[in-house]
């Protein structure tokens, strides 16, 4: 049976770390079911990722 979890991340200066963050998330694409990003302002974004696992 699969388990479902939500991982949240707060990115400070998202323009600077966005590519590296996306690479890490992409490395788990088999377990990642969806993601949502919310830019709060120029300096902070919040990302929630839905994952599944055993």
N, C-alpha and C. Protein backbone atom coordinates (compact mmCIF):
# COMPACT_ATOMS: atom_id res chain seq x y z
N UNK A 1 0.84 -1.18 0.00
CA UNK A 1 0.00 0.00 0.00
C UNK A 1 0.89 1.25 0.00
N UNK A 2 0.55 2.23 -0.79
CA UNK A 2 1.33 3.47 -0.87
C UNK A 2 0.95 4.43 0.24
N UNK A 3 1.93 5.15 0.70
CA UNK A 3 1.72 6.22 1.67
C UNK A 3 1.78 7.54 0.91
N UNK A 4 1.07 8.54 1.39
CA UNK A 4 1.06 9.86 0.78
C UNK A 4 1.59 10.85 1.80
N UNK A 5 2.45 11.76 1.34
CA UNK A 5 3.01 12.79 2.22
C UNK A 5 3.11 14.10 1.46
N UNK A 6 3.18 15.18 2.21
CA UNK A 6 3.39 16.51 1.64
C UNK A 6 4.68 17.06 2.23
N UNK A 7 5.55 17.50 1.36
CA UNK A 7 6.81 18.13 1.76
C UNK A 7 6.70 19.60 1.41
N UNK A 8 7.00 20.46 2.35
CA UNK A 8 6.97 21.90 2.09
C UNK A 8 8.37 22.46 2.21
N UNK A 9 8.65 23.44 1.38
CA UNK A 9 9.96 24.10 1.40
C UNK A 9 9.76 25.61 1.30
N UNK A 10 10.58 26.33 2.01
CA UNK A 10 10.60 27.78 1.92
C UNK A 10 11.90 28.16 1.24
N UNK A 11 11.80 28.81 0.10
CA UNK A 11 12.98 29.21 -0.66
C UNK A 11 13.24 30.70 -0.44
N UNK A 12 14.39 31.01 0.13
CA UNK A 12 14.82 32.39 0.26
C UNK A 12 15.62 32.74 -0.99
N UNK A 13 15.40 33.89 -1.54
CA UNK A 13 16.03 34.30 -2.81
C UNK A 13 15.80 33.23 -3.88
N UNK A 14 14.54 32.95 -4.22
CA UNK A 14 14.23 31.85 -5.13
C UNK A 14 14.89 31.97 -6.50
N UNK A 15 15.12 33.16 -6.98
CA UNK A 15 15.77 33.30 -8.29
C UNK A 15 17.16 32.71 -8.28
N UNK A 16 17.82 32.73 -7.13
CA UNK A 16 19.19 32.21 -7.02
C UNK A 16 19.24 30.69 -6.83
N UNK A 17 18.23 30.11 -6.17
CA UNK A 17 18.30 28.69 -5.85
C UNK A 17 17.29 27.83 -6.61
N UNK A 18 16.48 28.44 -7.46
CA UNK A 18 15.41 27.72 -8.14
C UNK A 18 15.90 26.57 -8.99
N UNK A 19 16.97 26.77 -9.77
CA UNK A 19 17.47 25.69 -10.64
C UNK A 19 17.95 24.49 -9.82
N UNK A 20 18.70 24.75 -8.76
CA UNK A 20 19.20 23.66 -7.92
C UNK A 20 18.04 22.94 -7.23
N UNK A 21 17.07 23.68 -6.73
CA UNK A 21 15.90 23.08 -6.09
C UNK A 21 15.14 22.19 -7.08
N UNK A 22 14.94 22.67 -8.30
CA UNK A 22 14.23 21.89 -9.31
C UNK A 22 14.98 20.61 -9.67
N UNK A 23 16.30 20.65 -9.68
CA UNK A 23 17.10 19.45 -9.95
C UNK A 23 16.89 18.41 -8.86
N UNK A 24 16.87 18.84 -7.61
CA UNK A 24 16.65 17.90 -6.50
C UNK A 24 15.26 17.29 -6.60
N UNK A 25 14.25 18.11 -6.83
CA UNK A 25 12.88 17.60 -6.94
C UNK A 25 12.77 16.63 -8.13
N UNK A 26 13.39 16.96 -9.25
CA UNK A 26 13.34 16.11 -10.44
C UNK A 26 13.98 14.75 -10.19
N UNK A 27 14.95 14.68 -9.31
CA UNK A 27 15.60 13.40 -9.02
C UNK A 27 14.65 12.42 -8.32
N UNK A 28 13.52 12.93 -7.80
CA UNK A 28 12.52 12.10 -7.14
C UNK A 28 11.23 12.02 -7.96
N UNK A 29 11.32 12.24 -9.28
CA UNK A 29 10.12 12.35 -10.10
C UNK A 29 9.26 11.09 -10.06
N UNK A 30 9.82 9.93 -9.80
CA UNK A 30 9.01 8.72 -9.71
C UNK A 30 8.07 8.72 -8.52
N UNK A 31 8.42 9.45 -7.48
CA UNK A 31 7.59 9.52 -6.28
C UNK A 31 6.79 10.82 -6.18
N UNK A 32 7.12 11.80 -7.01
CA UNK A 32 6.46 13.10 -6.94
C UNK A 32 5.19 13.06 -7.76
N UNK A 33 4.07 13.41 -7.14
CA UNK A 33 2.78 13.39 -7.83
C UNK A 33 2.30 14.78 -8.20
N UNK A 34 2.80 15.80 -7.55
CA UNK A 34 2.39 17.16 -7.89
C UNK A 34 3.11 18.16 -7.01
N UNK A 35 3.13 19.40 -7.49
CA UNK A 35 3.76 20.45 -6.70
C UNK A 35 3.06 21.77 -6.95
N UNK A 36 3.14 22.64 -5.95
CA UNK A 36 2.53 23.96 -6.06
C UNK A 36 3.49 24.96 -5.44
N UNK A 37 3.79 26.01 -6.17
CA UNK A 37 4.65 27.06 -5.66
C UNK A 37 3.90 28.36 -5.52
N UNK A 38 4.15 29.06 -4.43
CA UNK A 38 3.50 30.34 -4.17
C UNK A 38 4.58 31.38 -3.91
N UNK A 39 4.74 32.35 -4.82
CA UNK A 39 5.71 33.42 -4.56
C UNK A 39 5.10 34.43 -3.59
N UNK A 40 5.72 34.60 -2.43
CA UNK A 40 5.20 35.55 -1.45
C UNK A 40 5.67 36.97 -1.76
N UNK A 41 6.90 37.08 -2.16
CA UNK A 41 7.47 38.35 -2.61
C UNK A 41 8.74 38.04 -3.38
N UNK A 42 9.54 39.02 -3.67
CA UNK A 42 10.77 38.80 -4.45
C UNK A 42 11.78 37.93 -3.71
N UNK A 43 11.69 37.86 -2.39
CA UNK A 43 12.72 37.18 -1.60
C UNK A 43 12.31 35.82 -1.05
N UNK A 44 11.02 35.48 -1.09
CA UNK A 44 10.56 34.22 -0.49
C UNK A 44 9.49 33.58 -1.34
N UNK A 45 9.63 32.26 -1.56
CA UNK A 45 8.59 31.44 -2.20
C UNK A 45 8.36 30.22 -1.33
N UNK A 46 7.12 29.73 -1.33
CA UNK A 46 6.78 28.53 -0.60
C UNK A 46 6.37 27.47 -1.62
N UNK A 47 6.93 26.26 -1.49
CA UNK A 47 6.63 25.16 -2.41
C UNK A 47 6.11 23.98 -1.61
N UNK A 48 5.01 23.39 -2.05
CA UNK A 48 4.48 22.15 -1.46
C UNK A 48 4.53 21.07 -2.52
N UNK A 49 5.02 19.89 -2.12
CA UNK A 49 5.18 18.77 -3.05
C UNK A 49 4.46 17.56 -2.48
N UNK A 50 3.61 16.93 -3.29
CA UNK A 50 2.91 15.71 -2.88
C UNK A 50 3.74 14.53 -3.38
N UNK A 51 4.09 13.62 -2.47
CA UNK A 51 4.89 12.44 -2.81
C UNK A 51 4.20 11.18 -2.32
N UNK A 52 4.55 10.06 -2.95
CA UNK A 52 4.07 8.76 -2.51
C UNK A 52 5.26 7.85 -2.27
N UNK A 53 5.07 6.87 -1.46
CA UNK A 53 6.13 5.90 -1.16
C UNK A 53 5.54 4.68 -0.48
N UNK A 54 6.40 3.71 -0.20
CA UNK A 54 5.91 2.48 0.44
C UNK A 54 6.10 2.56 1.94
